[in-house]
Amino acid sequence: MTVASLCDRLGVTKGSFHHHFATMPGFIVALTDYWESAFGVLLNVAAREPDPLRRLELHINSSLSLETEIETAWMAWGWSNPVIGAAWQRIERLGEDNLTRTLFSIMGDPEPAALVGEMSTGLSIGMHAWRPVMDRETLALVALEWLRRCVGLDADLCTVDGMPRVVNIRR
């Protein structure tokens, strides 16, 4: 990606780009900061929920609300760009830590909670590496099966504003 190709794609001038970002690396840092902040907000909203079943629901549904193609591209870019890769790893770690704490609240045993949290992160990364990228409905079905088989919980699937949602998580 070059400044020229990015500006052409966005329909802005190179002068406008350089007014806001001195260089392409400066743009990448700003973009990464924005992305990490936006993800952090989603993860922290879920982490503040006191009910662990509702917290798990928020965690799953925040993942389902993301644009899978964009997330896949971001993850792939992180393999070749150390700034993006480091931010991606921080967010994955934060998400896994939040999920593991939630699973511990539900399961009551730290070892299986940590293992299932780590499995979930691996599953999520693998789902983004799959070609073609899975649609949200398929990802919601995967989340439901993960809940049932790995966590021992049940839930329902519904559609809210055209988006699949996992709801009513229960023991």
N, C-alpha and C. Protein backbone atom coordinates (compact mmCIF):
# COMPACT_ATOMS: atom_id res chain seq x y z
N MET A 1 0.85 -1.17 0.00
CA MET A 1 0.00 0.00 0.00
C MET A 1 0.90 1.23 0.00
N THR A 2 0.55 2.16 -0.85
CA THR A 2 1.29 3.42 -0.93
C THR A 2 0.33 4.56 -0.60
N VAL A 3 0.92 5.71 -0.31
CA VAL A 3 0.10 6.91 -0.06
C VAL A 3 -0.76 7.20 -1.28
N ALA A 4 -0.17 7.12 -2.46
CA ALA A 4 -0.91 7.42 -3.69
C ALA A 4 -2.08 6.46 -3.89
N SER A 5 -1.86 5.15 -3.72
CA SER A 5 -2.94 4.19 -3.93
C SER A 5 -4.04 4.35 -2.88
N LEU A 6 -3.64 4.64 -1.66
CA LEU A 6 -4.63 4.85 -0.60
C LEU A 6 -5.46 6.10 -0.89
N CYS A 7 -4.81 7.18 -1.28
CA CYS A 7 -5.53 8.42 -1.58
C CYS A 7 -6.46 8.25 -2.78
N ASP A 8 -5.99 7.54 -3.81
CA ASP A 8 -6.84 7.27 -4.97
C ASP A 8 -8.08 6.48 -4.55
N ARG A 9 -7.87 5.46 -3.75
CA ARG A 9 -8.99 4.60 -3.32
C ARG A 9 -10.00 5.37 -2.48
N LEU A 10 -9.51 6.29 -1.63
CA LEU A 10 -10.39 7.05 -0.75
C LEU A 10 -10.91 8.34 -1.38
N GLY A 11 -10.36 8.70 -2.54
CA GLY A 11 -10.81 9.92 -3.20
C GLY A 11 -10.36 11.19 -2.50
N VAL A 12 -9.16 11.15 -1.92
CA VAL A 12 -8.60 12.34 -1.27
C VAL A 12 -7.25 12.65 -1.91
N THR A 13 -6.78 13.85 -1.67
CA THR A 13 -5.50 14.25 -2.24
C THR A 13 -4.36 13.81 -1.34
N LYS A 14 -3.18 13.68 -1.95
CA LYS A 14 -2.00 13.35 -1.16
C LYS A 14 -1.69 14.48 -0.18
N GLY A 15 -1.97 15.70 -0.57
CA GLY A 15 -1.75 16.84 0.33
C GLY A 15 -2.62 16.73 1.58
N SER A 16 -3.87 16.31 1.39
CA SER A 16 -4.75 16.10 2.54
C SER A 16 -4.22 15.00 3.45
N PHE A 17 -3.77 13.92 2.83
CA PHE A 17 -3.19 12.83 3.61
C PHE A 17 -2.02 13.35 4.45
N HIS A 18 -1.10 14.07 3.80
CA HIS A 18 0.10 14.54 4.49
C HIS A 18 -0.23 15.64 5.51
N HIS A 19 -1.35 16.31 5.35
CA HIS A 19 -1.78 17.28 6.36
C HIS A 19 -2.11 16.56 7.67
N HIS A 20 -2.73 15.40 7.56
CA HIS A 20 -3.14 14.65 8.75
C HIS A 20 -2.06 13.67 9.24
N PHE A 21 -1.33 13.11 8.32
CA PHE A 21 -0.31 12.09 8.65
C PHE A 21 0.95 12.44 7.88
N ALA A 22 2.01 12.68 8.58
CA ALA A 22 3.24 13.09 7.90
C ALA A 22 3.76 12.01 6.95
N THR A 23 3.61 10.76 7.35
CA THR A 23 4.18 9.67 6.55
C THR A 23 3.23 8.47 6.59
N MET A 24 3.49 7.49 5.76
CA MET A 24 2.72 6.25 5.79
C MET A 24 2.89 5.55 7.14
N PRO A 25 4.11 5.45 7.69
CA PRO A 25 4.23 4.86 9.03
C PRO A 25 3.42 5.63 10.08
N GLY A 26 3.35 6.95 9.95
CA GLY A 26 2.53 7.74 10.87
C GLY A 26 1.05 7.41 10.73
N PHE A 27 0.61 7.21 9.48
CA PHE A 27 -0.77 6.80 9.25
C PHE A 27 -1.04 5.43 9.87
N ILE A 28 -0.10 4.50 9.70
CA ILE A 28 -0.29 3.15 10.24
C ILE A 28 -0.38 3.19 11.76
N VAL A 29 0.44 4.01 12.41
CA VAL A 29 0.37 4.14 13.87
C VAL A 29 -0.99 4.71 14.27
N ALA A 30 -1.45 5.75 13.60
CA ALA A 30 -2.75 6.35 13.93
C ALA A 30 -3.90 5.37 13.69
N LEU A 31 -3.85 4.65 12.58
CA LEU A 31 -4.88 3.66 12.27
C LEU A 31 -4.88 2.55 13.33
N THR A 32 -3.70 2.10 13.69
CA THR A 32 -3.57 1.05 14.71
C THR A 32 -4.09 1.53 16.06
N ASP A 33 -3.76 2.76 16.43
CA ASP A 33 -4.26 3.31 17.70
C ASP A 33 -5.78 3.37 17.70
N TYR A 34 -6.36 3.80 16.58
CA TYR A 34 -7.82 3.87 16.46
C TYR A 34 -8.43 2.47 16.58
N TRP A 35 -7.88 1.52 15.83
CA TRP A 35 -8.39 0.15 15.84
C TRP A 35 -8.31 -0.46 17.22
N GLU A 36 -7.15 -0.30 17.87
CA GLU A 36 -6.96 -0.89 19.20
C GLU A 36 -7.90 -0.25 20.22
N SER A 37 -8.11 1.04 20.11
CA SER A 37 -9.03 1.73 21.02
C SER A 37 -10.46 1.25 20.82
N ALA A 38 -10.88 1.11 19.56
CA ALA A 38 -12.25 0.65 19.28
C ALA A 38 -12.47 -0.77 19.80
N PHE A 39 -11.52 -1.65 19.59
CA PHE A 39 -11.64 -3.02 20.10
C PHE A 39 -11.61 -3.03 21.61
N GLY A 40 -10.74 -2.21 22.18
CA GLY A 40 -10.65 -2.14 23.63
C GLY A 40 -11.97 -1.74 24.26
N VAL A 41 -12.68 -0.81 23.63
CA VAL A 41 -13.99 -0.39 24.14
C VAL A 41 -14.96 -1.58 24.14
N LEU A 42 -15.02 -2.32 23.03
CA LEU A 42 -15.91 -3.49 22.97
C LEU A 42 -15.57 -4.50 24.06
N LEU A 43 -14.29 -4.79 24.22
CA LEU A 43 -13.89 -5.78 25.22
C LEU A 43 -14.14 -5.29 26.64
N ASN A 44 -13.90 -4.01 26.89
CA ASN A 44 -14.09 -3.49 28.24
C ASN A 44 -15.55 -3.35 28.62
N VAL A 45 -16.43 -3.07 27.66
CA VAL A 45 -17.87 -3.04 27.95
C VAL A 45 -18.31 -4.42 28.42
N ALA A 46 -17.89 -5.43 27.71
CA ALA A 46 -18.26 -6.80 28.10
C ALA A 46 -17.65 -7.15 29.46
N ALA A 47 -16.41 -6.76 29.70
CA ALA A 47 -15.71 -7.13 30.94
C ALA A 47 -16.37 -6.51 32.18
N ARG A 48 -17.05 -5.38 32.02
CA ARG A 48 -17.70 -4.71 33.17
C ARG A 48 -19.04 -5.30 33.54
N GLU A 49 -19.59 -6.18 32.72
CA GLU A 49 -20.89 -6.80 33.01
C GLU A 49 -20.73 -7.74 34.21
N PRO A 50 -21.53 -7.55 35.27
CA PRO A 50 -21.37 -8.39 36.46
C PRO A 50 -21.84 -9.83 36.30
N ASP A 51 -22.86 -10.07 35.48
CA ASP A 51 -23.39 -11.42 35.30
C ASP A 51 -22.51 -12.16 34.29
N PRO A 52 -21.82 -13.25 34.70
CA PRO A 52 -20.90 -13.91 33.77
C PRO A 52 -21.57 -14.49 32.53
N LEU A 53 -22.81 -14.95 32.62
CA LEU A 53 -23.49 -15.47 31.42
C LEU A 53 -23.78 -14.33 30.44
N ARG A 54 -24.20 -13.21 30.95
CA ARG A 54 -24.45 -12.03 30.09
C ARG A 54 -23.12 -11.50 29.55
N ARG A 55 -22.07 -11.54 30.37
CA ARG A 55 -20.74 -11.10 29.93
C ARG A 55 -20.27 -11.96 28.76
N LEU A 56 -20.49 -13.27 28.85
CA LEU A 56 -20.12 -14.18 27.77
C LEU A 56 -20.92 -13.87 26.51
N GLU A 57 -22.19 -13.60 26.69
CA GLU A 57 -23.05 -13.23 25.56
C GLU A 57 -22.53 -11.97 24.87
N LEU A 58 -22.17 -10.96 25.66
CA LEU A 58 -21.62 -9.72 25.09
C LEU A 58 -20.30 -9.98 24.37
N HIS A 59 -19.48 -10.82 24.93
CA HIS A 59 -18.19 -11.15 24.32
C HIS A 59 -18.42 -11.81 22.95
N ILE A 60 -19.29 -12.78 22.90
CA ILE A 60 -19.56 -13.49 21.64
C ILE A 60 -20.19 -12.55 20.62
N ASN A 61 -21.19 -11.79 21.04
CA ASN A 61 -21.90 -10.93 20.09
C ASN A 61 -21.06 -9.76 19.61
N SER A 62 -20.12 -9.29 20.42
CA SER A 62 -19.23 -8.24 19.91
C SER A 62 -18.36 -8.82 18.80
N SER A 63 -17.95 -10.07 18.93
CA SER A 63 -17.19 -10.71 17.85
C SER A 63 -18.03 -10.89 16.60
N LEU A 64 -19.30 -11.24 16.78
CA LEU A 64 -20.18 -11.45 15.63
C LEU A 64 -20.53 -10.15 14.91
N SER A 65 -20.38 -9.02 15.60
CA SER A 65 -20.74 -7.74 14.99
C SER A 65 -19.64 -7.19 14.09
N LEU A 66 -18.47 -7.77 14.13
CA LEU A 66 -17.34 -7.26 13.36
C LEU A 66 -17.46 -7.66 11.89
N GLU A 67 -16.88 -6.85 11.05
CA GLU A 67 -16.81 -7.17 9.62
C GLU A 67 -15.73 -8.21 9.43
N THR A 68 -16.11 -9.45 9.15
CA THR A 68 -15.15 -10.55 9.13
C THR A 68 -14.06 -10.36 8.07
N GLU A 69 -14.41 -9.80 6.93
CA GLU A 69 -13.40 -9.60 5.89
C GLU A 69 -12.35 -8.59 6.33
N ILE A 70 -12.80 -7.54 7.00
CA ILE A 70 -11.87 -6.52 7.48
C ILE A 70 -10.98 -7.10 8.57
N GLU A 71 -11.57 -7.85 9.48
CA GLU A 71 -10.78 -8.45 10.56
C GLU A 71 -9.76 -9.43 10.00
N THR A 72 -10.15 -10.19 9.01
CA THR A 72 -9.22 -11.13 8.38
C THR A 72 -8.07 -10.38 7.71
N ALA A 73 -8.39 -9.31 7.00
CA ALA A 73 -7.34 -8.52 6.35
C ALA A 73 -6.43 -7.88 7.39
N TRP A 74 -7.00 -7.38 8.47
CA TRP A 74 -6.21 -6.75 9.53
C TRP A 74 -5.25 -7.76 10.14
N MET A 75 -5.76 -8.97 10.41
CA MET A 75 -4.94 -10.02 10.99
C MET A 75 -3.80 -10.39 10.04
N ALA A 76 -4.10 -10.52 8.77
CA ALA A 76 -3.07 -10.87 7.78
C ALA A 76 -2.02 -9.76 7.70
N TRP A 77 -2.45 -8.52 7.74
CA TRP A 77 -1.52 -7.39 7.69
C TRP A 77 -0.60 -7.42 8.92
N GLY A 78 -1.15 -7.86 10.04
CA GLY A 78 -0.37 -7.94 11.26
C GLY A 78 0.78 -8.92 11.18
N TRP A 79 0.70 -9.90 10.29
CA TRP A 79 1.81 -10.85 10.13
C TRP A 79 3.01 -10.20 9.47
N SER A 80 2.79 -9.16 8.67
CA SER A 80 3.90 -8.53 7.95
C SER A 80 4.26 -7.15 8.48
N ASN A 81 3.40 -6.55 9.31
CA ASN A 81 3.67 -5.22 9.84
C ASN A 81 3.78 -5.31 11.36
N PRO A 82 4.96 -5.01 11.92
CA PRO A 82 5.15 -5.20 13.36
C PRO A 82 4.28 -4.28 14.22
N VAL A 83 3.96 -3.10 13.77
CA VAL A 83 3.11 -2.19 14.55
C VAL A 83 1.70 -2.78 14.66
N ILE A 84 1.16 -3.21 13.53
CA ILE A 84 -0.18 -3.80 13.53
C ILE A 84 -0.16 -5.14 14.24
N GLY A 85 0.87 -5.94 14.02
CA GLY A 85 0.98 -7.23 14.68
C GLY A 85 1.01 -7.11 16.20
N ALA A 86 1.74 -6.13 16.71
CA ALA A 86 1.81 -5.95 18.16
C ALA A 86 0.45 -5.52 18.73
N ALA A 87 -0.25 -4.64 18.03
CA ALA A 87 -1.58 -4.21 18.49
C ALA A 87 -2.56 -5.38 18.44
N TRP A 88 -2.50 -6.14 17.37
CA TRP A 88 -3.38 -7.30 17.23
C TRP A 88 -3.14 -8.28 18.37
N GLN A 89 -1.87 -8.54 18.69
CA GLN A 89 -1.56 -9.46 19.79
C GLN A 89 -2.05 -8.92 21.14
N ARG A 90 -1.92 -7.62 21.36
CA ARG A 90 -2.42 -7.04 22.62
C ARG A 90 -3.93 -7.21 22.74
N ILE A 91 -4.65 -6.98 21.65
CA ILE A 91 -6.10 -7.12 21.69
C ILE A 91 -6.50 -8.58 21.85
N GLU A 92 -5.83 -9.49 21.14
CA GLU A 92 -6.13 -10.91 21.31
C GLU A 92 -5.89 -11.35 22.75
N ARG A 93 -4.80 -10.88 23.34
CA ARG A 93 -4.48 -11.22 24.73
C ARG A 93 -5.53 -10.67 25.69
N LEU A 94 -5.94 -9.42 25.48
CA LEU A 94 -6.98 -8.82 26.32
C LEU A 94 -8.28 -9.59 26.19
N GLY A 95 -8.67 -9.93 24.96
CA GLY A 95 -9.90 -10.70 24.74
C GLY A 95 -9.83 -12.06 25.40
N GLU A 96 -8.70 -12.74 25.25
CA GLU A 96 -8.55 -14.06 25.86
C GLU A 96 -8.55 -13.97 27.38
N ASP A 97 -7.89 -12.95 27.93
CA ASP A 97 -7.89 -12.78 29.39
C ASP A 97 -9.31 -12.52 29.91
N ASN A 98 -10.03 -11.64 29.23
CA ASN A 98 -11.42 -11.36 29.64
C ASN A 98 -12.28 -12.61 29.54
N LEU A 99 -12.14 -13.34 28.45
CA LEU A 99 -12.92 -14.56 28.27
C LEU A 99 -12.56 -15.59 29.33
N THR A 100 -11.28 -15.75 29.62
CA THR A 100 -10.85 -16.73 30.61
C THR A 100 -11.41 -16.38 31.99
N ARG A 101 -11.39 -15.11 32.36
CA ARG A 101 -11.98 -14.70 33.64
C ARG A 101 -13.48 -15.00 33.68
N THR A 102 -14.14 -14.77 32.58
CA THR A 102 -15.57 -15.06 32.50
C THR A 102 -15.81 -16.56 32.61
N LEU A 103 -15.03 -17.33 31.88
CA LEU A 103 -15.19 -18.78 31.93
C LEU A 103 -14.89 -19.32 33.33
N PHE A 104 -13.91 -18.75 34.02
CA PHE A 104 -13.63 -19.15 35.39
C PHE A 104 -14.84 -18.88 36.29
N SER A 105 -15.49 -17.73 36.09
CA SER A 105 -16.69 -17.40 36.87
C SER A 105 -17.80 -18.42 36.64
N ILE A 106 -17.87 -18.96 35.43
CA ILE A 106 -18.91 -19.91 35.07
C ILE A 106 -18.51 -21.34 35.46
N MET A 107 -17.27 -21.71 35.15
CA MET A 107 -16.83 -23.09 35.32
C MET A 107 -16.29 -23.39 36.72
N GLY A 108 -15.76 -22.36 37.38
CA GLY A 108 -15.28 -22.52 38.74
C GLY A 108 -13.92 -23.16 38.88
N ASP A 109 -13.27 -23.52 37.80
CA ASP A 109 -11.96 -24.16 37.86
C ASP A 109 -11.03 -23.41 36.90
N PRO A 110 -9.90 -22.89 37.39
CA PRO A 110 -9.05 -22.05 36.53
C PRO A 110 -8.39 -22.80 35.38
N GLU A 111 -8.03 -24.06 35.57
CA GLU A 111 -7.33 -24.78 34.51
C GLU A 111 -8.19 -25.00 33.27
N PRO A 112 -9.40 -25.59 33.41
CA PRO A 112 -10.21 -25.72 32.19
C PRO A 112 -10.64 -24.37 31.62
N ALA A 113 -10.85 -23.38 32.49
CA ALA A 113 -11.23 -22.05 31.99
C ALA A 113 -10.12 -21.48 31.12
N ALA A 114 -8.87 -21.61 31.56
CA ALA A 114 -7.74 -21.11 30.77
C ALA A 114 -7.59 -21.89 29.47
N LEU A 115 -7.76 -23.20 29.53
CA LEU A 115 -7.64 -24.02 28.34
C LEU A 115 -8.74 -23.68 27.32
N VAL A 116 -9.97 -23.56 27.77
CA VAL A 116 -11.07 -23.22 26.86
C VAL A 116 -10.90 -21.80 26.32
N GLY A 117 -10.40 -20.88 27.15
CA GLY A 117 -10.13 -19.52 26.67
C GLY A 117 -9.08 -19.53 25.57
N GLU A 118 -8.02 -20.32 25.78
CA GLU A 118 -6.97 -20.41 24.77
C GLU A 118 -7.48 -21.10 23.50
N MET A 119 -8.28 -22.14 23.67
CA MET A 119 -8.88 -22.82 22.51
C MET A 119 -9.75 -21.85 21.71
N SER A 120 -10.48 -21.02 22.42
CA SER A 120 -11.36 -20.07 21.76
C SER A 120 -10.57 -19.07 20.92
N THR A 121 -9.46 -18.60 21.46
CA THR A 121 -8.61 -17.67 20.70
C THR A 121 -8.07 -18.36 19.45
N GLY A 122 -7.60 -19.59 19.61
CA GLY A 122 -7.11 -20.34 18.46
C GLY A 122 -8.20 -20.57 17.42
N LEU A 123 -9.40 -20.89 17.88
CA LEU A 123 -10.53 -21.10 16.97
C LEU A 123 -10.84 -19.81 16.21
N SER A 124 -10.86 -18.70 16.92
CA SER A 124 -11.15 -17.41 16.29
C SER A 124 -10.11 -17.07 15.23
N ILE A 125 -8.84 -17.24 15.57
CA ILE A 125 -7.78 -16.96 14.61
C ILE A 125 -7.90 -17.88 13.40
N GLY A 126 -8.16 -19.15 13.66
CA GLY A 126 -8.32 -20.11 12.57
C GLY A 126 -9.51 -19.78 11.67
N MET A 127 -10.59 -19.33 12.27
CA MET A 127 -11.77 -18.98 11.48
C MET A 127 -11.46 -17.82 10.52
N HIS A 128 -10.60 -16.90 10.96
CA HIS A 128 -10.22 -15.79 10.09
C HIS A 128 -9.26 -16.22 8.99
N ALA A 129 -8.55 -17.31 9.19
CA ALA A 129 -7.62 -17.78 8.17
C ALA A 129 -8.32 -18.66 7.14
N TRP A 130 -9.55 -19.07 7.41
CA TRP A 130 -10.30 -19.94 6.52
C TRP A 130 -10.66 -19.21 5.25
N ARG A 131 -10.64 -19.90 4.15
CA ARG A 131 -11.05 -19.31 2.87
C ARG A 131 -12.16 -20.12 2.29
N PRO A 132 -13.24 -19.56 1.82
CA PRO A 132 -13.55 -18.15 1.95
C PRO A 132 -13.90 -17.79 3.40
N VAL A 133 -13.83 -16.51 3.67
CA VAL A 133 -14.15 -16.03 5.02
C VAL A 133 -15.58 -16.44 5.35
N MET A 134 -15.79 -16.96 6.54
CA MET A 134 -17.13 -17.43 6.93
C MET A 134 -18.06 -16.24 7.18
N ASP A 135 -19.30 -16.42 6.79
CA ASP A 135 -20.29 -15.38 7.02
C ASP A 135 -20.69 -15.38 8.50
N ARG A 136 -21.35 -14.32 8.92
CA ARG A 136 -21.73 -14.16 10.33
C ARG A 136 -22.66 -15.26 10.81
N GLU A 137 -23.56 -15.72 9.96
CA GLU A 137 -24.50 -16.76 10.37
C GLU A 137 -23.76 -18.06 10.71
N THR A 138 -22.77 -18.41 9.88
CA THR A 138 -21.98 -19.60 10.16
C THR A 138 -21.15 -19.41 11.42
N LEU A 139 -20.59 -18.22 11.59
CA LEU A 139 -19.82 -17.95 12.81
C LEU A 139 -20.71 -18.04 14.05
N ALA A 140 -21.96 -17.60 13.95
CA ALA A 140 -22.89 -17.71 15.09
C ALA A 140 -23.17 -19.17 15.41
N LEU A 141 -23.32 -20.00 14.39
CA LEU A 141 -23.51 -21.44 14.62
C LEU A 141 -22.28 -22.07 15.28
N VAL A 142 -21.10 -21.64 14.85
CA VAL A 142 -19.87 -22.13 15.46
C VAL A 142 -19.83 -21.71 16.93
N ALA A 143 -20.18 -20.46 17.22
CA ALA A 143 -20.20 -19.98 18.60
C ALA A 143 -21.17 -20.78 19.45
N LEU A 144 -22.33 -21.10 18.90
CA LEU A 144 -23.32 -21.89 19.64
C LEU A 144 -22.77 -23.29 19.94
N GLU A 145 -22.15 -23.92 18.97
CA GLU A 145 -21.57 -25.25 19.20
C GLU A 145 -20.42 -25.19 20.19
N TRP A 146 -19.62 -24.12 20.12
CA TRP A 146 -18.53 -23.93 21.09
C TRP A 146 -19.11 -23.84 22.50
N LEU A 147 -20.17 -23.05 22.64
CA LEU A 147 -20.83 -22.93 23.96
C LEU A 147 -21.29 -24.29 24.47
N ARG A 148 -21.93 -25.03 23.60
CA ARG A 148 -22.50 -26.33 24.00
C ARG A 148 -21.41 -27.36 24.30
N ARG A 149 -20.44 -27.48 23.43
CA ARG A 149 -19.48 -28.58 23.53
C ARG A 149 -18.28 -28.26 24.42
N CYS A 150 -17.84 -27.02 24.43
CA CYS A 150 -16.63 -26.68 25.20
C CYS A 150 -16.95 -26.11 26.58
N VAL A 151 -18.06 -25.40 26.69
CA VAL A 151 -18.38 -24.73 27.95
C VAL A 151 -19.52 -25.43 28.68
N GLY A 152 -20.30 -26.23 27.96
CA GLY A 152 -21.41 -26.94 28.59
C GLY A 152 -22.62 -26.07 28.87
N LEU A 153 -22.78 -25.03 28.06
CA LEU A 153 -23.93 -24.14 28.20
C LEU A 153 -24.79 -24.24 26.95
N ASP A 154 -26.02 -23.77 27.07
CA ASP A 154 -26.91 -23.72 25.91
C ASP A 154 -27.28 -22.27 25.67
N ALA A 155 -27.79 -21.99 24.52
CA ALA A 155 -28.20 -20.64 24.15
C ALA A 155 -29.12 -20.73 22.95
N ASP A 156 -29.67 -19.60 22.59
CA ASP A 156 -30.51 -19.50 21.41
C ASP A 156 -29.82 -18.58 20.40
N LEU A 157 -30.19 -18.74 19.14
CA LEU A 157 -29.75 -17.83 18.09
C LEU A 157 -30.95 -17.02 17.63
N CYS A 158 -30.71 -15.75 17.40
CA CYS A 158 -31.76 -14.91 16.83
C CYS A 158 -31.09 -13.88 15.93
N THR A 159 -31.88 -13.09 15.26
CA THR A 159 -31.37 -12.02 14.41
C THR A 159 -31.89 -10.70 14.95
N VAL A 160 -30.98 -9.77 15.17
CA VAL A 160 -31.33 -8.44 15.65
C VAL A 160 -30.75 -7.44 14.66
N ASP A 161 -31.62 -6.63 14.07
CA ASP A 161 -31.19 -5.65 13.07
C ASP A 161 -30.36 -6.30 11.96
N GLY A 162 -30.79 -7.50 11.54
CA GLY A 162 -30.12 -8.20 10.46
C GLY A 162 -28.82 -8.90 10.84
N MET A 163 -28.49 -8.87 12.14
CA MET A 163 -27.24 -9.48 12.61
C MET A 163 -27.56 -10.69 13.47
N PRO A 164 -26.87 -11.82 13.25
CA PRO A 164 -27.09 -12.98 14.13
C PRO A 164 -26.57 -12.68 15.53
N ARG A 165 -27.29 -13.17 16.51
CA ARG A 165 -26.93 -12.96 17.91
C ARG A 165 -27.11 -14.25 18.69
N VAL A 166 -26.22 -14.48 19.63
CA VAL A 166 -26.38 -15.56 20.59
C VAL A 166 -27.04 -14.92 21.81
N VAL A 167 -28.19 -15.48 22.22
CA VAL A 167 -28.95 -14.89 23.32
C VAL A 167 -29.35 -15.98 24.31
N ASN A 168 -29.74 -15.52 25.48
CA ASN A 168 -30.29 -16.41 26.50
C ASN A 168 -29.34 -17.57 26.83
N ILE A 169 -28.07 -17.22 27.09
CA ILE A 169 -27.12 -18.26 27.50
C ILE A 169 -27.55 -18.77 28.86
N ARG A 170 -27.56 -20.11 28.97
CA ARG A 170 -28.03 -20.72 30.21
C ARG A 170 -27.30 -22.02 30.46
N ARG A 171 -27.35 -22.43 31.71
CA ARG A 171 -26.69 -23.69 32.10
C ARG A 171 -27.50 -24.87 31.66
